[in-house]
């Protein structure tokens, strides 16, 4: 069952989006990501909500709230991460940090090294890619909101890679770029179907990421 859940989450979070030619909406979001990558430090909040219609997949329904503080020094990024996941009556707290190229977990009040910090620091995900989204733009006082919704062909291509019994029905990503051209928010939503032991359920996923502060003085990761 854990393998099924891992496969579902991988499909729900897969999102490859559109742009080519002129300075498109995707180009503008990518520019805003570059400005985020140039920040010296920042604080983010993340809320991940997973829900299902029938509860067929054990342990799927949950709400996770995360806080993340990061500090950049050249190519190195240090970060402090805390999450609380509520699953029914149970709440699981996780605290980790990335420091000096290593990952540590807080266990019994002490930091324990878990290994090397692999990959890049990308809380908003990767750059938007060519070809497969319907784009909507909305202007707000807080900035410009770009919504990319995967079209039918893109969903069909994605579902060719899905494990048997799993299909993504809808998937979209919304980005908020502030008036200074900085990416300050993202919301990714997905709806999928899964069949387990002959029973079919619909699964819903929403991940909302917000940059709450940046380039503050005297921010360190201890």
N, C-alpha and C. Protein backbone atom coordinates (compact mmCIF):
# COMPACT_ATOMS: atom_id res chain seq x y z
N UNK A 1 0.83 -1.21 0.00
CA UNK A 1 0.00 0.00 0.00
C UNK A 1 0.86 1.26 0.00
N UNK A 2 2.01 1.21 0.69
CA UNK A 2 2.89 2.37 0.69
C UNK A 2 3.41 2.67 -0.71
N UNK A 3 3.68 1.61 -1.50
CA UNK A 3 4.15 1.82 -2.86
C UNK A 3 3.06 2.48 -3.71
N UNK A 4 1.82 2.05 -3.48
CA UNK A 4 0.70 2.66 -4.20
C UNK A 4 0.61 4.14 -3.87
N UNK A 5 0.69 4.47 -2.58
CA UNK A 5 0.61 5.86 -2.14
C UNK A 5 1.75 6.69 -2.72
N UNK A 6 2.96 6.14 -2.72
CA UNK A 6 4.10 6.88 -3.27
C UNK A 6 3.92 7.14 -4.75
N UNK A 7 3.38 6.15 -5.46
CA UNK A 7 3.14 6.34 -6.89
C UNK A 7 2.10 7.39 -7.17
N UNK A 8 1.04 7.41 -6.35
CA UNK A 8 -0.01 8.41 -6.51
C UNK A 8 0.54 9.80 -6.29
N UNK A 9 1.31 9.99 -5.23
CA UNK A 9 1.86 11.31 -4.93
C UNK A 9 2.78 11.78 -6.04
N UNK A 10 3.56 10.85 -6.60
CA UNK A 10 4.46 11.23 -7.70
C UNK A 10 3.68 11.72 -8.90
N UNK A 11 2.57 11.04 -9.21
CA UNK A 11 1.74 11.46 -10.34
C UNK A 11 1.07 12.78 -10.05
N UNK A 12 0.53 12.95 -8.85
CA UNK A 12 -0.18 14.18 -8.52
C UNK A 12 0.72 15.40 -8.61
N UNK A 13 1.98 15.26 -8.25
CA UNK A 13 2.87 16.42 -8.21
C UNK A 13 3.60 16.64 -9.52
N UNK A 14 3.43 15.73 -10.51
CA UNK A 14 4.09 15.91 -11.81
C UNK A 14 3.37 16.97 -12.61
N UNK A 15 4.08 18.00 -13.02
CA UNK A 15 3.43 19.09 -13.76
C UNK A 15 4.45 19.71 -14.70
N UNK A 16 4.28 19.47 -16.01
CA UNK A 16 5.17 20.06 -17.00
C UNK A 16 4.35 21.01 -17.84
N UNK A 17 4.75 22.29 -17.89
CA UNK A 17 3.86 23.33 -18.40
C UNK A 17 4.44 24.07 -19.60
N UNK A 18 3.66 25.10 -20.08
CA UNK A 18 3.83 25.58 -21.43
C UNK A 18 4.57 26.89 -21.61
N UNK A 19 5.25 27.01 -22.80
CA UNK A 19 5.64 28.32 -23.30
C UNK A 19 6.61 28.19 -24.45
N UNK A 20 6.46 29.01 -25.48
CA UNK A 20 7.41 29.06 -26.58
C UNK A 20 7.23 30.38 -27.31
N UNK A 21 8.28 30.78 -28.08
CA UNK A 21 8.13 31.97 -28.91
C UNK A 21 8.41 33.25 -28.16
N UNK A 22 7.41 34.12 -28.11
CA UNK A 22 7.53 35.43 -27.50
C UNK A 22 7.79 35.32 -25.99
N UNK A 23 7.86 36.48 -25.33
CA UNK A 23 7.99 36.49 -23.87
C UNK A 23 6.65 36.07 -23.29
N UNK A 24 6.49 34.78 -23.07
CA UNK A 24 5.21 34.24 -22.65
C UNK A 24 5.02 34.36 -21.15
N UNK A 25 3.82 33.96 -20.71
CA UNK A 25 3.54 33.94 -19.28
C UNK A 25 4.52 33.03 -18.56
N UNK A 26 4.85 31.90 -19.18
CA UNK A 26 5.81 30.98 -18.56
C UNK A 26 7.18 31.61 -18.45
N UNK A 27 7.58 32.37 -19.47
CA UNK A 27 8.86 33.08 -19.40
C UNK A 27 8.87 34.06 -18.22
N UNK A 28 7.76 34.76 -18.04
CA UNK A 28 7.67 35.74 -16.95
C UNK A 28 7.76 35.05 -15.59
N UNK A 29 7.12 33.88 -15.46
CA UNK A 29 7.21 33.14 -14.20
C UNK A 29 8.64 32.63 -13.99
N UNK A 30 9.27 32.15 -15.07
CA UNK A 30 10.65 31.69 -14.95
C UNK A 30 11.58 32.83 -14.54
N UNK A 31 11.34 34.04 -15.08
CA UNK A 31 12.12 35.20 -14.66
C UNK A 31 11.92 35.47 -13.16
N UNK A 32 10.68 35.32 -12.70
CA UNK A 32 10.38 35.54 -11.28
C UNK A 32 11.06 34.48 -10.41
N UNK A 33 11.18 33.24 -10.92
CA UNK A 33 11.91 32.20 -10.20
C UNK A 33 13.39 32.56 -10.10
N UNK A 34 13.94 33.14 -11.17
CA UNK A 34 15.35 33.54 -11.12
C UNK A 34 15.57 34.61 -10.06
N UNK A 35 14.63 35.52 -9.92
CA UNK A 35 14.75 36.53 -8.87
C UNK A 35 14.68 35.88 -7.48
N UNK A 36 13.82 34.87 -7.35
CA UNK A 36 13.77 34.13 -6.08
C UNK A 36 15.12 33.46 -5.81
N UNK A 37 15.71 32.86 -6.85
CA UNK A 37 16.99 32.17 -6.68
C UNK A 37 18.11 33.12 -6.30
N UNK A 38 17.92 34.42 -6.54
CA UNK A 38 18.96 35.40 -6.22
C UNK A 38 18.83 35.96 -4.80
N UNK A 39 17.78 35.57 -4.07
CA UNK A 39 17.60 36.08 -2.71
C UNK A 39 18.71 35.57 -1.79
N UNK A 40 19.10 36.40 -0.83
CA UNK A 40 20.11 35.99 0.15
C UNK A 40 19.52 35.08 1.22
N UNK A 41 18.27 35.32 1.59
CA UNK A 41 17.60 34.48 2.57
C UNK A 41 16.09 34.66 2.42
N UNK A 42 15.34 33.81 3.10
CA UNK A 42 13.90 33.94 3.02
C UNK A 42 13.19 32.97 3.95
N UNK A 43 11.90 33.21 4.13
CA UNK A 43 11.05 32.34 4.93
C UNK A 43 9.83 31.95 4.11
N UNK A 44 9.47 30.68 4.16
CA UNK A 44 8.33 30.18 3.41
C UNK A 44 7.40 29.40 4.32
N UNK A 45 6.12 29.42 3.99
CA UNK A 45 5.16 28.52 4.60
C UNK A 45 4.56 27.65 3.50
N UNK A 46 4.30 26.41 3.82
CA UNK A 46 3.74 25.46 2.86
C UNK A 46 2.61 24.70 3.54
N UNK A 47 1.48 24.60 2.85
CA UNK A 47 0.37 23.77 3.34
C UNK A 47 0.03 22.75 2.26
N UNK A 48 0.07 21.48 2.63
CA UNK A 48 -0.25 20.39 1.71
C UNK A 48 -1.51 19.70 2.22
N UNK A 49 -2.56 19.69 1.39
CA UNK A 49 -3.82 19.06 1.77
C UNK A 49 -4.10 17.91 0.82
N UNK A 50 -4.22 16.70 1.37
CA UNK A 50 -4.54 15.51 0.61
C UNK A 50 -5.87 14.96 1.11
N UNK A 51 -6.78 14.69 0.19
CA UNK A 51 -8.09 14.17 0.59
C UNK A 51 -8.60 13.21 -0.48
N UNK A 52 -9.57 12.39 -0.09
CA UNK A 52 -10.15 11.41 -1.00
C UNK A 52 -11.65 11.34 -0.78
N UNK A 53 -12.37 10.85 -1.79
CA UNK A 53 -13.82 10.72 -1.66
C UNK A 53 -14.22 9.54 -0.79
N UNK A 54 -13.55 8.40 -0.98
CA UNK A 54 -13.97 7.17 -0.33
C UNK A 54 -13.01 6.67 0.75
N UNK A 55 -11.79 7.19 0.78
CA UNK A 55 -10.83 6.73 1.78
C UNK A 55 -10.28 5.35 1.51
N UNK A 56 -10.24 4.96 0.23
CA UNK A 56 -9.78 3.62 -0.12
C UNK A 56 -8.28 3.46 0.14
N UNK A 57 -7.50 4.50 -0.17
CA UNK A 57 -6.05 4.42 0.02
C UNK A 57 -5.72 4.76 1.47
N UNK A 58 -5.26 3.79 2.19
CA UNK A 58 -4.97 3.96 3.61
C UNK A 58 -3.88 5.00 3.83
N UNK A 59 -4.12 5.94 4.75
CA UNK A 59 -3.11 6.92 5.10
C UNK A 59 -2.96 8.06 4.12
N UNK A 60 -3.89 8.20 3.15
CA UNK A 60 -3.75 9.28 2.17
C UNK A 60 -4.23 10.62 2.71
N UNK A 61 -5.40 10.63 3.36
CA UNK A 61 -6.00 11.88 3.82
C UNK A 61 -5.15 12.50 4.93
N UNK A 62 -4.65 13.70 4.69
CA UNK A 62 -3.78 14.35 5.67
C UNK A 62 -3.63 15.83 5.33
N UNK A 63 -3.28 16.61 6.35
CA UNK A 63 -2.94 18.02 6.16
C UNK A 63 -1.56 18.25 6.78
N UNK A 64 -0.64 18.77 5.98
CA UNK A 64 0.71 19.04 6.46
C UNK A 64 0.98 20.54 6.37
N UNK A 65 1.45 21.11 7.48
CA UNK A 65 1.83 22.52 7.51
C UNK A 65 3.33 22.61 7.77
N UNK A 66 4.02 23.34 6.91
CA UNK A 66 5.46 23.40 6.97
C UNK A 66 5.94 24.85 7.06
N UNK A 67 7.06 25.05 7.74
CA UNK A 67 7.77 26.32 7.71
C UNK A 67 9.20 26.05 7.30
N UNK A 68 9.77 26.96 6.53
CA UNK A 68 11.12 26.76 6.01
C UNK A 68 11.85 28.10 5.98
N UNK A 69 13.03 28.12 6.56
CA UNK A 69 13.91 29.29 6.53
C UNK A 69 15.18 28.90 5.79
N UNK A 70 15.60 29.72 4.83
CA UNK A 70 16.81 29.39 4.07
C UNK A 70 17.76 30.58 4.03
N UNK A 71 19.05 30.25 3.91
CA UNK A 71 20.12 31.25 3.80
C UNK A 71 21.06 30.78 2.70
N UNK A 72 21.37 31.67 1.77
CA UNK A 72 22.28 31.33 0.68
C UNK A 72 23.63 32.03 0.88
N UNK A 73 24.69 31.27 0.56
CA UNK A 73 26.04 31.81 0.58
C UNK A 73 26.74 31.27 -0.66
N UNK A 74 26.77 32.09 -1.71
CA UNK A 74 27.30 31.59 -2.98
C UNK A 74 26.39 30.50 -3.53
N UNK A 75 26.97 29.36 -3.85
CA UNK A 75 26.19 28.25 -4.40
C UNK A 75 25.57 27.37 -3.31
N UNK A 76 25.95 27.60 -2.07
CA UNK A 76 25.44 26.76 -0.98
C UNK A 76 24.19 27.36 -0.36
N UNK A 77 23.21 26.51 -0.10
CA UNK A 77 21.99 26.93 0.59
C UNK A 77 21.84 26.12 1.87
N UNK A 78 21.73 26.80 3.00
CA UNK A 78 21.39 26.16 4.27
C UNK A 78 19.91 26.42 4.55
N UNK A 79 19.25 25.46 5.17
CA UNK A 79 17.81 25.62 5.39
C UNK A 79 17.39 24.90 6.66
N UNK A 80 16.38 25.46 7.32
CA UNK A 80 15.78 24.87 8.52
C UNK A 80 14.32 24.59 8.21
N UNK A 81 13.88 23.35 8.47
CA UNK A 81 12.55 22.91 8.04
C UNK A 81 11.80 22.27 9.21
N UNK A 82 10.52 22.61 9.34
CA UNK A 82 9.67 22.00 10.35
C UNK A 82 8.31 21.72 9.74
N UNK A 83 7.77 20.53 10.00
CA UNK A 83 6.45 20.19 9.47
C UNK A 83 5.61 19.51 10.54
N UNK A 84 4.31 19.74 10.46
CA UNK A 84 3.33 19.05 11.29
C UNK A 84 2.28 18.44 10.37
N UNK A 85 2.15 17.12 10.42
CA UNK A 85 1.19 16.42 9.59
C UNK A 85 0.08 15.85 10.45
N UNK A 86 -1.14 16.26 10.17
CA UNK A 86 -2.31 15.77 10.91
C UNK A 86 -3.01 14.71 10.07
N UNK A 87 -3.11 13.51 10.64
CA UNK A 87 -3.80 12.38 10.00
C UNK A 87 -4.80 11.84 11.01
N UNK A 88 -6.05 12.26 10.89
CA UNK A 88 -7.04 11.87 11.88
C UNK A 88 -6.71 12.49 13.22
N UNK A 89 -6.61 11.64 14.25
CA UNK A 89 -6.29 12.12 15.60
C UNK A 89 -4.79 12.20 15.86
N UNK A 90 -4.00 11.78 14.88
CA UNK A 90 -2.55 11.73 15.07
C UNK A 90 -1.87 12.91 14.39
N UNK A 91 -0.86 13.49 15.06
CA UNK A 91 -0.05 14.56 14.48
C UNK A 91 1.42 14.15 14.55
N UNK A 92 2.08 14.21 13.41
CA UNK A 92 3.49 13.84 13.32
C UNK A 92 4.31 15.10 13.05
N UNK A 93 5.30 15.35 13.90
CA UNK A 93 6.17 16.52 13.77
C UNK A 93 7.54 16.08 13.27
N UNK A 94 8.03 16.77 12.25
CA UNK A 94 9.34 16.49 11.68
C UNK A 94 10.16 17.77 11.64
N UNK A 95 11.40 17.70 12.10
CA UNK A 95 12.30 18.86 12.01
C UNK A 95 13.61 18.41 11.37
N UNK A 96 14.02 19.16 10.35
CA UNK A 96 15.24 18.84 9.63
C UNK A 96 15.98 20.13 9.30
N UNK A 97 17.26 19.98 8.97
CA UNK A 97 18.00 21.13 8.47
C UNK A 97 19.02 20.67 7.43
N UNK A 98 19.33 21.57 6.54
CA UNK A 98 20.35 21.36 5.53
C UNK A 98 21.45 22.38 5.80
N UNK A 99 22.64 21.88 6.08
CA UNK A 99 23.72 22.78 6.50
C UNK A 99 25.06 22.23 6.04
N UNK A 100 25.84 23.08 5.38
CA UNK A 100 27.16 22.66 4.95
C UNK A 100 27.15 21.48 4.01
N UNK A 101 26.10 21.36 3.20
CA UNK A 101 26.00 20.26 2.25
C UNK A 101 25.53 18.95 2.85
N UNK A 102 25.13 18.96 4.12
CA UNK A 102 24.63 17.77 4.80
C UNK A 102 23.19 17.97 5.24
N UNK A 103 22.47 16.86 5.42
CA UNK A 103 21.10 16.88 5.92
C UNK A 103 21.08 16.28 7.32
N UNK A 104 20.36 16.95 8.24
CA UNK A 104 20.26 16.50 9.62
C UNK A 104 18.79 16.40 10.02
N UNK A 105 18.48 15.42 10.87
CA UNK A 105 17.15 15.29 11.47
C UNK A 105 17.25 15.51 12.97
N UNK A 106 16.22 16.14 13.53
CA UNK A 106 16.19 16.36 14.98
C UNK A 106 15.56 15.13 15.63
N UNK A 107 16.37 14.41 16.40
CA UNK A 107 15.93 13.18 17.05
C UNK A 107 16.25 13.28 18.53
N UNK A 108 15.22 13.24 19.37
CA UNK A 108 15.43 13.31 20.81
C UNK A 108 16.13 14.58 21.25
N UNK A 109 15.89 15.68 20.54
CA UNK A 109 16.49 16.95 20.91
C UNK A 109 17.88 17.18 20.39
N UNK A 110 18.42 16.23 19.60
CA UNK A 110 19.77 16.36 19.07
C UNK A 110 19.74 16.18 17.55
N UNK A 111 20.60 16.93 16.85
CA UNK A 111 20.68 16.81 15.40
C UNK A 111 21.52 15.60 15.02
N UNK A 112 20.98 14.75 14.15
CA UNK A 112 21.69 13.57 13.69
C UNK A 112 21.86 13.66 12.17
N UNK A 113 23.10 13.47 11.73
CA UNK A 113 23.38 13.56 10.29
C UNK A 113 22.72 12.41 9.54
N UNK A 114 22.08 12.74 8.41
CA UNK A 114 21.39 11.73 7.60
C UNK A 114 22.09 11.47 6.27
N UNK A 115 23.02 12.33 5.90
CA UNK A 115 23.72 12.13 4.63
C UNK A 115 23.91 13.44 3.89
N UNK A 116 24.34 13.31 2.64
CA UNK A 116 24.57 14.49 1.82
C UNK A 116 23.26 15.10 1.34
N UNK A 117 23.27 16.42 1.18
CA UNK A 117 22.10 17.12 0.64
C UNK A 117 22.18 17.07 -0.88
N UNK A 118 21.39 16.20 -1.48
CA UNK A 118 21.43 16.04 -2.93
C UNK A 118 20.44 16.97 -3.62
N UNK A 119 20.72 17.32 -4.86
CA UNK A 119 19.80 18.13 -5.65
C UNK A 119 19.85 19.60 -5.30
N UNK A 120 19.10 20.38 -6.06
CA UNK A 120 19.08 21.83 -5.87
C UNK A 120 17.95 22.22 -4.92
N UNK A 121 18.05 23.41 -4.36
CA UNK A 121 17.03 23.94 -3.47
C UNK A 121 15.99 24.65 -4.33
N UNK A 122 14.81 24.05 -4.47
CA UNK A 122 13.78 24.58 -5.38
C UNK A 122 12.39 24.39 -4.78
N UNK A 123 12.04 25.20 -3.76
CA UNK A 123 10.73 25.02 -3.12
C UNK A 123 9.55 25.31 -4.03
N UNK A 124 9.76 26.06 -5.11
CA UNK A 124 8.69 26.31 -6.07
C UNK A 124 8.74 25.36 -7.26
N UNK A 125 9.61 24.36 -7.20
CA UNK A 125 9.73 23.44 -8.32
C UNK A 125 10.65 23.98 -9.40
N UNK A 126 10.70 23.24 -10.53
CA UNK A 126 11.59 23.62 -11.62
C UNK A 126 10.98 24.64 -12.56
N UNK A 127 11.77 25.03 -13.55
CA UNK A 127 11.31 26.00 -14.54
C UNK A 127 10.17 25.41 -15.37
N UNK A 128 9.28 26.27 -15.84
CA UNK A 128 8.19 25.83 -16.69
C UNK A 128 8.73 25.49 -18.07
N UNK A 129 8.18 24.41 -18.65
CA UNK A 129 8.69 23.90 -19.91
C UNK A 129 7.67 24.11 -21.03
N UNK A 130 8.09 23.75 -22.23
CA UNK A 130 7.28 24.05 -23.40
C UNK A 130 6.09 23.12 -23.54
N UNK A 131 5.01 23.61 -23.93
CA UNK A 131 4.02 23.10 -24.82
C UNK A 131 2.67 22.69 -24.38
N UNK A 132 2.27 22.64 -23.13
CA UNK A 132 1.07 21.85 -22.85
C UNK A 132 0.15 22.44 -21.79
N UNK A 133 -0.12 23.73 -21.84
CA UNK A 133 -1.01 24.29 -20.82
C UNK A 133 -1.89 25.39 -21.36
N UNK A 134 -3.05 25.53 -20.75
CA UNK A 134 -3.94 26.66 -20.97
C UNK A 134 -3.62 27.68 -19.87
N UNK A 135 -3.35 28.94 -20.26
CA UNK A 135 -2.86 29.94 -19.32
C UNK A 135 -3.91 31.02 -19.09
N UNK A 136 -4.13 31.36 -17.83
CA UNK A 136 -5.01 32.46 -17.45
C UNK A 136 -4.22 33.45 -16.60
N UNK A 137 -4.38 34.74 -16.88
CA UNK A 137 -3.67 35.79 -16.15
C UNK A 137 -4.67 36.67 -15.41
N UNK A 138 -4.39 36.93 -14.13
CA UNK A 138 -5.26 37.78 -13.31
C UNK A 138 -4.40 38.83 -12.61
N UNK A 139 -4.83 40.08 -12.68
CA UNK A 139 -4.10 41.16 -12.01
C UNK A 139 -4.71 41.44 -10.64
N UNK A 140 -3.83 41.51 -9.61
CA UNK A 140 -4.25 41.84 -8.25
C UNK A 140 -3.40 43.00 -7.74
N UNK A 141 -3.82 43.60 -6.63
CA UNK A 141 -3.00 44.64 -6.01
C UNK A 141 -1.66 44.09 -5.55
N UNK A 142 -1.64 42.80 -5.20
CA UNK A 142 -0.42 42.17 -4.70
C UNK A 142 0.49 41.67 -5.82
N UNK A 143 0.04 41.77 -7.07
CA UNK A 143 0.86 41.31 -8.18
C UNK A 143 0.03 40.65 -9.26
N UNK A 144 0.70 39.87 -10.09
CA UNK A 144 0.06 39.18 -11.21
C UNK A 144 0.03 37.69 -10.95
N UNK A 145 -1.13 37.10 -11.16
CA UNK A 145 -1.32 35.66 -10.93
C UNK A 145 -1.43 34.95 -12.28
N UNK A 146 -0.59 33.93 -12.45
CA UNK A 146 -0.58 33.14 -13.69
C UNK A 146 -1.02 31.72 -13.36
N UNK A 147 -2.09 31.26 -14.01
CA UNK A 147 -2.58 29.90 -13.79
C UNK A 147 -2.36 29.07 -15.06
N UNK A 148 -1.69 27.94 -14.90
CA UNK A 148 -1.39 27.03 -15.99
C UNK A 148 -2.17 25.73 -15.75
N UNK A 149 -3.08 25.40 -16.65
CA UNK A 149 -3.89 24.19 -16.50
C UNK A 149 -3.55 23.22 -17.62
N UNK A 150 -3.17 22.02 -17.26
CA UNK A 150 -2.77 21.03 -18.25
C UNK A 150 -3.93 20.71 -19.18
N UNK A 151 -3.65 20.69 -20.50
CA UNK A 151 -4.70 20.36 -21.46
C UNK A 151 -4.84 18.84 -21.62
N UNK A 152 -5.81 18.43 -22.44
CA UNK A 152 -6.12 17.00 -22.55
C UNK A 152 -4.95 16.19 -23.08
N UNK A 153 -4.25 16.73 -24.07
CA UNK A 153 -3.11 15.99 -24.62
C UNK A 153 -2.01 15.82 -23.58
N UNK A 154 -1.76 16.88 -22.81
CA UNK A 154 -0.73 16.78 -21.78
C UNK A 154 -1.10 15.75 -20.72
N UNK A 155 -2.37 15.73 -20.33
CA UNK A 155 -2.82 14.74 -19.35
C UNK A 155 -2.68 13.33 -19.91
N UNK A 156 -3.03 13.16 -21.20
CA UNK A 156 -2.92 11.84 -21.82
C UNK A 156 -1.47 11.38 -21.84
N UNK A 157 -0.55 12.28 -22.19
CA UNK A 157 0.87 11.92 -22.20
C UNK A 157 1.36 11.57 -20.80
N UNK A 158 0.91 12.34 -19.81
CA UNK A 158 1.30 12.07 -18.43
C UNK A 158 0.78 10.71 -17.97
N UNK A 159 -0.46 10.41 -18.33
CA UNK A 159 -1.06 9.17 -17.86
C UNK A 159 -0.49 7.93 -18.52
N UNK A 160 0.19 8.09 -19.66
CA UNK A 160 0.88 6.95 -20.27
C UNK A 160 1.98 6.43 -19.36
N UNK A 161 2.50 7.31 -18.49
CA UNK A 161 3.57 6.93 -17.58
C UNK A 161 3.06 6.51 -16.20
N UNK A 162 1.75 6.62 -16.01
CA UNK A 162 1.18 6.33 -14.69
C UNK A 162 1.14 4.83 -14.42
N UNK A 163 1.33 4.42 -13.18
CA UNK A 163 1.17 3.01 -12.83
C UNK A 163 -0.25 2.54 -13.13
N UNK A 164 -0.39 1.26 -13.32
CA UNK A 164 -1.71 0.69 -13.63
C UNK A 164 -2.71 1.03 -12.51
N UNK A 165 -3.91 1.45 -12.92
CA UNK A 165 -4.94 1.78 -11.95
C UNK A 165 -4.92 3.21 -11.46
N UNK A 166 -4.01 4.04 -12.00
CA UNK A 166 -3.91 5.43 -11.58
C UNK A 166 -4.01 6.35 -12.79
N UNK A 167 -4.82 7.40 -12.69
CA UNK A 167 -5.00 8.36 -13.77
C UNK A 167 -5.14 9.77 -13.19
N UNK A 168 -4.41 10.72 -13.76
CA UNK A 168 -4.57 12.12 -13.38
C UNK A 168 -5.69 12.71 -14.23
N UNK A 169 -6.70 13.28 -13.60
CA UNK A 169 -7.86 13.83 -14.30
C UNK A 169 -7.73 15.33 -14.54
N UNK A 170 -7.15 16.05 -13.59
CA UNK A 170 -6.94 17.49 -13.70
C UNK A 170 -5.66 17.85 -12.97
N UNK A 171 -4.95 18.85 -13.47
CA UNK A 171 -3.76 19.32 -12.76
C UNK A 171 -3.48 20.75 -13.19
N UNK A 172 -3.22 21.62 -12.23
CA UNK A 172 -2.95 23.02 -12.55
C UNK A 172 -1.97 23.60 -11.54
N UNK A 173 -1.31 24.68 -11.94
CA UNK A 173 -0.40 25.40 -11.06
C UNK A 173 -0.62 26.89 -11.23
N UNK A 174 -0.71 27.60 -10.11
CA UNK A 174 -0.89 29.05 -10.11
C UNK A 174 0.30 29.70 -9.42
N UNK A 175 0.84 30.73 -10.05
CA UNK A 175 2.01 31.44 -9.53
C UNK A 175 1.66 32.90 -9.31
N UNK A 176 2.06 33.46 -8.17
CA UNK A 176 1.86 34.88 -7.88
C UNK A 176 3.20 35.59 -7.94
N UNK A 177 3.29 36.56 -8.86
CA UNK A 177 4.50 37.36 -9.04
C UNK A 177 4.20 38.77 -8.55
N UNK A 178 5.00 39.28 -7.60
CA UNK A 178 4.71 40.59 -7.02
C UNK A 178 5.10 41.72 -7.99
N UNK A 179 4.75 42.97 -7.68
CA UNK A 179 5.04 44.07 -8.61
C UNK A 179 6.52 44.25 -8.92
N UNK A 180 7.40 43.73 -8.07
CA UNK A 180 8.85 43.83 -8.32
C UNK A 180 9.35 42.67 -9.17
N UNK A 181 8.45 41.79 -9.60
CA UNK A 181 8.84 40.67 -10.44
C UNK A 181 9.38 39.47 -9.71
N UNK A 182 9.12 39.37 -8.41
CA UNK A 182 9.59 38.26 -7.58
C UNK A 182 8.47 37.25 -7.38
N UNK A 183 8.79 35.98 -7.53
CA UNK A 183 7.80 34.92 -7.27
C UNK A 183 7.59 34.80 -5.77
N UNK A 184 6.36 35.03 -5.32
CA UNK A 184 6.07 35.02 -3.88
C UNK A 184 5.01 33.99 -3.49
N UNK A 185 4.43 33.30 -4.46
CA UNK A 185 3.41 32.32 -4.10
C UNK A 185 3.17 31.31 -5.21
N UNK A 186 2.75 30.12 -4.81
CA UNK A 186 2.44 29.06 -5.76
C UNK A 186 1.35 28.17 -5.17
N UNK A 187 0.43 27.75 -6.02
CA UNK A 187 -0.59 26.78 -5.60
C UNK A 187 -0.71 25.71 -6.69
N UNK A 188 -0.47 24.46 -6.32
CA UNK A 188 -0.57 23.34 -7.24
C UNK A 188 -1.73 22.46 -6.81
N UNK A 189 -2.67 22.20 -7.73
CA UNK A 189 -3.83 21.36 -7.42
C UNK A 189 -3.94 20.24 -8.44
N UNK A 190 -4.39 19.09 -7.97
CA UNK A 190 -4.56 17.93 -8.84
C UNK A 190 -5.76 17.10 -8.39
N UNK A 191 -6.37 16.45 -9.36
CA UNK A 191 -7.43 15.47 -9.09
C UNK A 191 -7.08 14.21 -9.86
N UNK A 192 -7.11 13.08 -9.18
CA UNK A 192 -6.72 11.82 -9.80
C UNK A 192 -7.68 10.72 -9.39
N UNK A 193 -7.67 9.65 -10.17
CA UNK A 193 -8.45 8.47 -9.80
C UNK A 193 -7.47 7.31 -9.57
N UNK A 194 -7.84 6.44 -8.65
CA UNK A 194 -7.02 5.27 -8.37
C UNK A 194 -7.94 4.09 -8.12
N UNK A 195 -7.52 2.94 -8.62
CA UNK A 195 -8.27 1.71 -8.40
C UNK A 195 -7.41 0.74 -7.61
N UNK A 196 -7.91 0.32 -6.46
CA UNK A 196 -7.20 -0.59 -5.57
C UNK A 196 -8.13 -1.75 -5.23
N UNK A 197 -7.69 -2.97 -5.54
CA UNK A 197 -8.49 -4.17 -5.24
C UNK A 197 -9.90 -4.06 -5.81
N UNK A 198 -9.99 -3.54 -7.03
CA UNK A 198 -11.28 -3.45 -7.70
C UNK A 198 -12.14 -2.28 -7.29
N UNK A 199 -11.69 -1.45 -6.36
CA UNK A 199 -12.45 -0.29 -5.90
C UNK A 199 -11.77 0.99 -6.41
N UNK A 200 -12.59 1.95 -6.86
CA UNK A 200 -12.07 3.19 -7.43
C UNK A 200 -12.38 4.37 -6.53
N UNK A 201 -11.41 5.25 -6.38
CA UNK A 201 -11.57 6.44 -5.54
C UNK A 201 -11.01 7.63 -6.30
N UNK A 202 -11.45 8.83 -5.92
CA UNK A 202 -10.88 10.05 -6.44
C UNK A 202 -10.05 10.72 -5.35
N UNK A 203 -8.86 11.15 -5.74
CA UNK A 203 -7.92 11.76 -4.80
C UNK A 203 -7.68 13.21 -5.18
N UNK A 204 -7.59 14.07 -4.19
CA UNK A 204 -7.40 15.50 -4.41
C UNK A 204 -6.14 15.96 -3.67
N UNK A 205 -5.37 16.80 -4.33
CA UNK A 205 -4.13 17.31 -3.75
C UNK A 205 -4.05 18.81 -3.97
N UNK A 206 -3.68 19.55 -2.92
CA UNK A 206 -3.41 20.99 -3.06
C UNK A 206 -2.18 21.33 -2.24
N UNK A 207 -1.22 21.97 -2.87
CA UNK A 207 -0.01 22.43 -2.18
C UNK A 207 0.11 23.93 -2.39
N UNK A 208 0.11 24.69 -1.29
CA UNK A 208 0.20 26.14 -1.37
C UNK A 208 1.48 26.60 -0.68
N UNK A 209 2.33 27.29 -1.43
CA UNK A 209 3.62 27.77 -0.94
C UNK A 209 3.65 29.29 -0.99
N UNK A 210 4.05 29.92 0.13
CA UNK A 210 4.07 31.38 0.21
C UNK A 210 5.40 31.86 0.75
N UNK A 211 6.01 32.79 0.05
CA UNK A 211 7.22 33.45 0.54
C UNK A 211 6.78 34.60 1.43
N UNK A 212 7.05 34.50 2.73
CA UNK A 212 6.53 35.47 3.69
C UNK A 212 7.52 36.57 4.05
N UNK A 213 8.82 36.32 3.85
CA UNK A 213 9.85 37.33 4.16
C UNK A 213 11.10 37.00 3.34
N UNK A 214 11.89 38.03 3.05
CA UNK A 214 13.11 37.78 2.29
C UNK A 214 14.12 38.90 2.53
N UNK A 215 15.40 38.50 2.35
CA UNK A 215 16.54 39.42 2.51
C UNK A 215 16.48 40.21 3.81
N UNK A 216 16.21 39.45 4.90
CA UNK A 216 16.19 40.04 6.23
C UNK A 216 17.61 40.08 6.81
N UNK A 217 17.92 41.03 7.70
CA UNK A 217 19.26 41.09 8.30
C UNK A 217 19.47 39.99 9.34
N UNK A 218 20.70 39.53 9.44
CA UNK A 218 21.13 38.65 10.54
C UNK A 218 20.33 37.35 10.60
N UNK A 219 20.09 36.72 9.46
CA UNK A 219 19.43 35.41 9.43
C UNK A 219 20.50 34.33 9.32
N UNK A 220 20.48 33.37 10.25
CA UNK A 220 21.45 32.27 10.24
C UNK A 220 20.73 30.96 10.49
N UNK A 221 21.37 29.86 10.09
CA UNK A 221 20.87 28.52 10.37
C UNK A 221 21.82 27.89 11.37
N UNK A 222 21.33 27.62 12.57
CA UNK A 222 22.17 27.06 13.64
C UNK A 222 22.02 25.54 13.70
